[in-house]
């Protein structure tokens, strides 16, 4: 197990105890070591969601999307934060993009299975 994944699991345990500030600190530390790990961004999004830090959640989703533009979960989480901030039109666009990415990924996986 990588050090960043060990930190991620530690953060999950902290979130289960509603220790969101501590979980955030652990995830930020993990991001320094492994800035391309999408699980860490999703973990931070969850921390910000649970602690009602919606603007920070939106910001981490934007960074996550820059790192991994084809990750539909980044868009789905972004949609949630837009909704919570009352930015419904932007939420709908993000959700539609997430759905499109998911469908494309699913179709690619099915094509790959058929090719075997």
N, C-alpha and C. Protein backbone atom coordinates (compact mmCIF):
# COMPACT_ATOMS: atom_id res chain seq x y z
N UNK A 1 0.86 -1.18 0.00
CA UNK A 1 0.00 0.00 0.00
C UNK A 1 0.90 1.24 0.00
N UNK A 2 0.53 2.19 -0.84
CA UNK A 2 1.31 3.43 -0.91
C UNK A 2 1.05 4.29 0.32
N UNK A 3 1.96 5.20 0.57
CA UNK A 3 1.80 6.11 1.71
C UNK A 3 0.55 6.98 1.55
N UNK A 4 0.28 7.40 0.31
CA UNK A 4 -0.90 8.25 0.10
C UNK A 4 -2.19 7.48 0.35
N UNK A 5 -2.20 6.19 0.01
CA UNK A 5 -3.41 5.40 0.27
C UNK A 5 -3.58 5.14 1.76
N UNK A 6 -2.48 4.96 2.47
CA UNK A 6 -2.56 4.80 3.93
C UNK A 6 -3.14 6.07 4.55
N UNK A 7 -2.71 7.21 4.06
CA UNK A 7 -3.26 8.48 4.55
C UNK A 7 -4.73 8.62 4.17
N UNK A 8 -5.08 8.20 2.97
CA UNK A 8 -6.48 8.25 2.55
C UNK A 8 -7.35 7.42 3.50
N UNK A 9 -6.90 6.22 3.82
CA UNK A 9 -7.67 5.36 4.72
C UNK A 9 -7.76 5.96 6.12
N UNK A 10 -6.69 6.61 6.55
CA UNK A 10 -6.73 7.31 7.84
C UNK A 10 -7.77 8.42 7.80
N UNK A 11 -7.82 9.14 6.70
CA UNK A 11 -8.80 10.22 6.55
C UNK A 11 -10.23 9.67 6.54
N UNK A 12 -10.43 8.53 5.89
CA UNK A 12 -11.76 7.90 5.89
C UNK A 12 -12.20 7.59 7.32
N UNK A 13 -11.28 7.05 8.10
CA UNK A 13 -11.60 6.76 9.51
C UNK A 13 -11.95 8.04 10.26
N UNK A 14 -11.21 9.11 10.00
CA UNK A 14 -11.50 10.38 10.66
C UNK A 14 -12.87 10.92 10.24
N UNK A 15 -13.19 10.79 8.97
CA UNK A 15 -14.51 11.24 8.50
C UNK A 15 -15.62 10.45 9.17
N UNK A 16 -15.40 9.16 9.39
CA UNK A 16 -16.41 8.32 10.04
C UNK A 16 -16.67 8.80 11.47
N UNK A 17 -15.68 9.46 12.04
CA UNK A 17 -15.81 10.01 13.39
C UNK A 17 -16.21 11.49 13.36
N UNK A 18 -16.56 11.99 12.18
CA UNK A 18 -16.94 13.40 11.97
C UNK A 18 -15.82 14.37 12.33
N UNK A 19 -14.59 13.94 12.16
CA UNK A 19 -13.42 14.78 12.41
C UNK A 19 -12.94 15.34 11.07
N UNK A 20 -13.73 16.26 10.54
CA UNK A 20 -13.52 16.71 9.18
C UNK A 20 -12.27 17.58 9.02
N UNK A 21 -11.97 18.42 9.98
CA UNK A 21 -10.77 19.26 9.88
C UNK A 21 -9.52 18.39 9.89
N UNK A 22 -9.52 17.38 10.73
CA UNK A 22 -8.37 16.47 10.78
C UNK A 22 -8.27 15.66 9.48
N UNK A 23 -9.40 15.21 8.98
CA UNK A 23 -9.40 14.45 7.71
C UNK A 23 -8.89 15.32 6.57
N UNK A 24 -9.31 16.59 6.56
CA UNK A 24 -8.83 17.51 5.52
C UNK A 24 -7.32 17.64 5.58
N UNK A 25 -6.77 17.81 6.77
CA UNK A 25 -5.32 17.97 6.92
C UNK A 25 -4.57 16.73 6.43
N UNK A 26 -5.09 15.55 6.75
CA UNK A 26 -4.47 14.31 6.31
C UNK A 26 -4.53 14.18 4.79
N UNK A 27 -5.66 14.52 4.20
CA UNK A 27 -5.80 14.43 2.74
C UNK A 27 -4.92 15.45 2.04
N UNK A 28 -4.80 16.63 2.60
CA UNK A 28 -3.91 17.64 2.00
C UNK A 28 -2.47 17.16 2.03
N UNK A 29 -2.08 16.51 3.12
CA UNK A 29 -0.73 15.94 3.22
C UNK A 29 -0.53 14.86 2.16
N UNK A 30 -1.53 14.04 1.99
CA UNK A 30 -1.44 12.97 0.98
C UNK A 30 -1.33 13.55 -0.42
N UNK A 31 -2.05 14.66 -0.68
CA UNK A 31 -1.99 15.29 -2.01
C UNK A 31 -0.60 15.82 -2.35
N UNK A 32 0.12 16.26 -1.34
CA UNK A 32 1.49 16.73 -1.57
C UNK A 32 2.34 15.58 -2.11
N UNK A 33 2.13 14.40 -1.55
CA UNK A 33 2.91 13.23 -1.96
C UNK A 33 2.40 12.62 -3.27
N UNK A 34 1.11 12.74 -3.53
CA UNK A 34 0.51 12.06 -4.68
C UNK A 34 -0.58 12.94 -5.31
N UNK A 35 -0.17 14.02 -5.98
CA UNK A 35 -1.14 14.99 -6.49
C UNK A 35 -2.02 14.49 -7.64
N UNK A 36 -1.74 13.32 -8.18
CA UNK A 36 -2.54 12.81 -9.29
C UNK A 36 -3.51 11.71 -8.87
N UNK A 37 -3.65 11.47 -7.58
CA UNK A 37 -4.52 10.41 -7.09
C UNK A 37 -5.96 10.93 -6.97
N UNK A 38 -6.86 10.45 -7.83
CA UNK A 38 -8.23 10.95 -7.80
C UNK A 38 -8.98 10.63 -6.51
N UNK A 39 -8.61 9.56 -5.82
CA UNK A 39 -9.27 9.23 -4.56
C UNK A 39 -9.09 10.34 -3.52
N UNK A 40 -7.95 10.99 -3.55
CA UNK A 40 -7.68 12.05 -2.59
C UNK A 40 -8.57 13.27 -2.84
N UNK A 41 -8.79 13.58 -4.10
CA UNK A 41 -9.68 14.69 -4.44
C UNK A 41 -11.12 14.36 -4.05
N UNK A 42 -11.50 13.12 -4.32
CA UNK A 42 -12.86 12.71 -3.95
C UNK A 42 -13.02 12.74 -2.43
N UNK A 43 -11.99 12.33 -1.72
CA UNK A 43 -12.03 12.39 -0.26
C UNK A 43 -12.19 13.81 0.25
N UNK A 44 -11.44 14.73 -0.34
CA UNK A 44 -11.58 16.14 0.06
C UNK A 44 -12.95 16.68 -0.28
N UNK A 45 -13.47 16.29 -1.44
CA UNK A 45 -14.83 16.73 -1.80
C UNK A 45 -15.83 16.24 -0.76
N UNK A 46 -15.66 15.00 -0.31
CA UNK A 46 -16.56 14.44 0.70
C UNK A 46 -16.43 15.21 2.02
N UNK A 47 -15.19 15.52 2.42
CA UNK A 47 -14.96 16.30 3.64
C UNK A 47 -15.68 17.64 3.55
N UNK A 48 -15.52 18.32 2.42
CA UNK A 48 -16.14 19.64 2.27
C UNK A 48 -17.66 19.54 2.20
N UNK A 49 -18.16 18.47 1.61
CA UNK A 49 -19.60 18.26 1.57
C UNK A 49 -20.14 18.07 2.99
N UNK A 50 -19.53 17.18 3.72
CA UNK A 50 -20.02 16.85 5.06
C UNK A 50 -19.87 18.03 6.03
N UNK A 51 -18.88 18.89 5.80
CA UNK A 51 -18.66 20.02 6.70
C UNK A 51 -19.26 21.32 6.16
N UNK A 52 -20.09 21.20 5.11
CA UNK A 52 -20.78 22.35 4.51
C UNK A 52 -19.83 23.46 4.08
N UNK A 53 -18.68 23.07 3.57
CA UNK A 53 -17.73 24.03 3.00
C UNK A 53 -17.85 23.95 1.48
N UNK A 54 -18.99 24.44 1.01
CA UNK A 54 -19.35 24.23 -0.39
C UNK A 54 -18.43 24.95 -1.37
N UNK A 55 -17.99 26.13 -1.03
CA UNK A 55 -17.09 26.84 -1.93
C UNK A 55 -15.75 26.11 -2.04
N UNK A 56 -15.24 25.64 -0.92
CA UNK A 56 -13.99 24.87 -0.96
C UNK A 56 -14.19 23.58 -1.76
N UNK A 57 -15.36 22.99 -1.62
CA UNK A 57 -15.66 21.79 -2.39
C UNK A 57 -15.65 22.06 -3.88
N UNK A 58 -16.24 23.17 -4.25
CA UNK A 58 -16.26 23.55 -5.66
C UNK A 58 -14.83 23.78 -6.17
N UNK A 59 -14.02 24.41 -5.35
CA UNK A 59 -12.63 24.68 -5.74
C UNK A 59 -11.82 23.40 -5.90
N UNK A 60 -12.00 22.44 -4.98
CA UNK A 60 -11.23 21.19 -5.10
C UNK A 60 -11.71 20.39 -6.31
N UNK A 61 -12.98 20.48 -6.62
CA UNK A 61 -13.49 19.79 -7.82
C UNK A 61 -12.90 20.40 -9.09
N UNK A 62 -12.70 21.70 -9.09
CA UNK A 62 -12.09 22.35 -10.25
C UNK A 62 -10.65 21.87 -10.44
N UNK A 63 -9.90 21.75 -9.35
CA UNK A 63 -8.53 21.25 -9.43
C UNK A 63 -8.55 19.79 -9.89
N UNK A 64 -9.46 19.01 -9.33
CA UNK A 64 -9.61 17.60 -9.68
C UNK A 64 -9.88 17.45 -11.17
N UNK A 65 -10.76 18.29 -11.70
CA UNK A 65 -11.08 18.24 -13.13
C UNK A 65 -9.88 18.61 -13.99
N UNK A 66 -9.07 19.56 -13.52
CA UNK A 66 -7.85 19.92 -14.26
C UNK A 66 -6.90 18.73 -14.32
N UNK A 67 -6.78 18.03 -13.21
CA UNK A 67 -5.88 16.88 -13.13
C UNK A 67 -6.40 15.68 -13.93
N UNK A 68 -7.72 15.51 -13.93
CA UNK A 68 -8.33 14.33 -14.53
C UNK A 68 -9.64 14.72 -15.23
N UNK A 69 -9.55 15.36 -16.40
CA UNK A 69 -10.74 15.91 -17.05
C UNK A 69 -11.79 14.88 -17.45
N UNK A 70 -11.43 13.62 -17.53
CA UNK A 70 -12.39 12.60 -17.93
C UNK A 70 -13.00 11.87 -16.73
N UNK A 71 -12.81 12.39 -15.55
CA UNK A 71 -13.35 11.75 -14.35
C UNK A 71 -14.76 12.25 -14.10
N UNK A 72 -15.74 11.39 -14.33
CA UNK A 72 -17.13 11.81 -14.18
C UNK A 72 -17.49 12.11 -12.73
N UNK A 73 -16.77 11.52 -11.77
CA UNK A 73 -17.07 11.79 -10.36
C UNK A 73 -16.70 13.23 -9.98
N UNK A 74 -15.66 13.76 -10.60
CA UNK A 74 -15.30 15.15 -10.34
C UNK A 74 -16.45 16.07 -10.76
N UNK A 75 -17.04 15.77 -11.91
CA UNK A 75 -18.17 16.56 -12.39
C UNK A 75 -19.41 16.34 -11.54
N UNK A 76 -19.65 15.11 -11.12
CA UNK A 76 -20.82 14.83 -10.28
C UNK A 76 -20.72 15.58 -8.95
N UNK A 77 -19.54 15.53 -8.35
CA UNK A 77 -19.34 16.27 -7.10
C UNK A 77 -19.46 17.77 -7.32
N UNK A 78 -18.91 18.24 -8.43
CA UNK A 78 -19.02 19.66 -8.74
C UNK A 78 -20.49 20.06 -8.86
N UNK A 79 -21.29 19.22 -9.47
CA UNK A 79 -22.72 19.49 -9.61
C UNK A 79 -23.38 19.65 -8.25
N UNK A 80 -23.03 18.78 -7.31
CA UNK A 80 -23.60 18.86 -5.95
C UNK A 80 -23.26 20.19 -5.31
N UNK A 81 -22.01 20.60 -5.41
CA UNK A 81 -21.61 21.87 -4.80
C UNK A 81 -22.29 23.06 -5.47
N UNK A 82 -22.41 23.02 -6.79
CA UNK A 82 -23.15 24.08 -7.46
C UNK A 82 -24.59 24.16 -6.94
N UNK A 83 -25.23 23.00 -6.77
CA UNK A 83 -26.60 22.97 -6.24
C UNK A 83 -26.66 23.60 -4.86
N UNK A 84 -25.74 23.20 -3.99
CA UNK A 84 -25.75 23.70 -2.62
C UNK A 84 -25.51 25.21 -2.56
N UNK A 85 -24.81 25.73 -3.57
CA UNK A 85 -24.56 27.17 -3.63
C UNK A 85 -25.65 27.92 -4.38
N UNK A 86 -26.70 27.18 -4.81
CA UNK A 86 -27.81 27.81 -5.50
C UNK A 86 -27.53 28.12 -6.96
N UNK A 87 -26.49 27.54 -7.50
CA UNK A 87 -26.10 27.78 -8.89
C UNK A 87 -26.64 26.62 -9.75
N UNK A 88 -27.95 26.60 -9.89
CA UNK A 88 -28.65 25.47 -10.47
C UNK A 88 -28.30 25.24 -11.94
N UNK A 89 -28.22 26.29 -12.73
CA UNK A 89 -27.89 26.11 -14.15
C UNK A 89 -26.52 25.45 -14.31
N UNK A 90 -25.55 25.90 -13.52
CA UNK A 90 -24.21 25.32 -13.60
C UNK A 90 -24.23 23.87 -13.09
N UNK A 91 -25.05 23.61 -12.09
CA UNK A 91 -25.18 22.24 -11.56
C UNK A 91 -25.71 21.31 -12.64
N UNK A 92 -26.71 21.77 -13.37
CA UNK A 92 -27.29 20.94 -14.43
C UNK A 92 -26.29 20.67 -15.54
N UNK A 93 -25.49 21.66 -15.89
CA UNK A 93 -24.48 21.47 -16.93
C UNK A 93 -23.44 20.46 -16.46
N UNK A 94 -22.97 20.60 -15.24
CA UNK A 94 -21.96 19.67 -14.71
C UNK A 94 -22.51 18.24 -14.65
N UNK A 95 -23.75 18.10 -14.22
CA UNK A 95 -24.35 16.77 -14.15
C UNK A 95 -24.50 16.15 -15.54
N UNK A 96 -24.90 16.95 -16.50
CA UNK A 96 -25.03 16.45 -17.88
C UNK A 96 -23.67 16.02 -18.42
N UNK A 97 -22.64 16.80 -18.15
CA UNK A 97 -21.29 16.43 -18.58
C UNK A 97 -20.84 15.15 -17.91
N UNK A 98 -21.14 15.00 -16.62
CA UNK A 98 -20.77 13.78 -15.89
C UNK A 98 -21.46 12.57 -16.49
N UNK A 99 -22.72 12.71 -16.81
CA UNK A 99 -23.48 11.61 -17.40
C UNK A 99 -22.91 11.23 -18.76
N UNK A 100 -22.59 12.23 -19.55
CA UNK A 100 -22.01 11.98 -20.87
C UNK A 100 -20.68 11.24 -20.75
N UNK A 101 -19.82 11.70 -19.84
CA UNK A 101 -18.54 11.02 -19.65
C UNK A 101 -18.73 9.58 -19.20
N UNK A 102 -19.66 9.38 -18.28
CA UNK A 102 -19.94 8.03 -17.79
C UNK A 102 -20.41 7.12 -18.92
N UNK A 103 -21.30 7.63 -19.73
CA UNK A 103 -21.83 6.83 -20.84
C UNK A 103 -20.72 6.50 -21.85
N UNK A 104 -19.87 7.47 -22.16
CA UNK A 104 -18.77 7.23 -23.09
C UNK A 104 -17.83 6.17 -22.54
N UNK A 105 -17.51 6.28 -21.27
CA UNK A 105 -16.62 5.31 -20.63
C UNK A 105 -17.24 3.92 -20.65
N UNK A 106 -18.51 3.83 -20.36
CA UNK A 106 -19.21 2.55 -20.35
C UNK A 106 -19.21 1.93 -21.75
N UNK A 107 -19.48 2.75 -22.77
CA UNK A 107 -19.49 2.23 -24.14
C UNK A 107 -18.09 1.77 -24.56
N UNK A 108 -17.06 2.51 -24.18
CA UNK A 108 -15.69 2.10 -24.50
C UNK A 108 -15.34 0.78 -23.84
N UNK A 109 -15.76 0.60 -22.58
CA UNK A 109 -15.51 -0.65 -21.88
C UNK A 109 -16.22 -1.82 -22.56
N UNK A 110 -17.47 -1.58 -22.99
CA UNK A 110 -18.21 -2.63 -23.67
C UNK A 110 -17.56 -3.00 -25.00
N UNK A 111 -17.10 -2.01 -25.74
CA UNK A 111 -16.41 -2.29 -27.01
C UNK A 111 -15.14 -3.11 -26.77
N UNK A 112 -14.41 -2.74 -25.73
CA UNK A 112 -13.18 -3.45 -25.42
C UNK A 112 -13.46 -4.92 -25.05
N UNK A 113 -14.54 -5.17 -24.32
CA UNK A 113 -14.91 -6.53 -23.94
C UNK A 113 -15.29 -7.35 -25.18
N UNK A 114 -16.02 -6.72 -26.09
CA UNK A 114 -16.43 -7.41 -27.32
C UNK A 114 -15.24 -7.73 -28.20
N UNK A 115 -14.21 -6.89 -28.13
CA UNK A 115 -13.04 -7.09 -28.98
C UNK A 115 -12.19 -8.27 -28.50
N UNK A 116 -12.39 -8.70 -27.27
CA UNK A 116 -11.59 -9.82 -26.74
C UNK A 116 -11.97 -11.11 -27.32
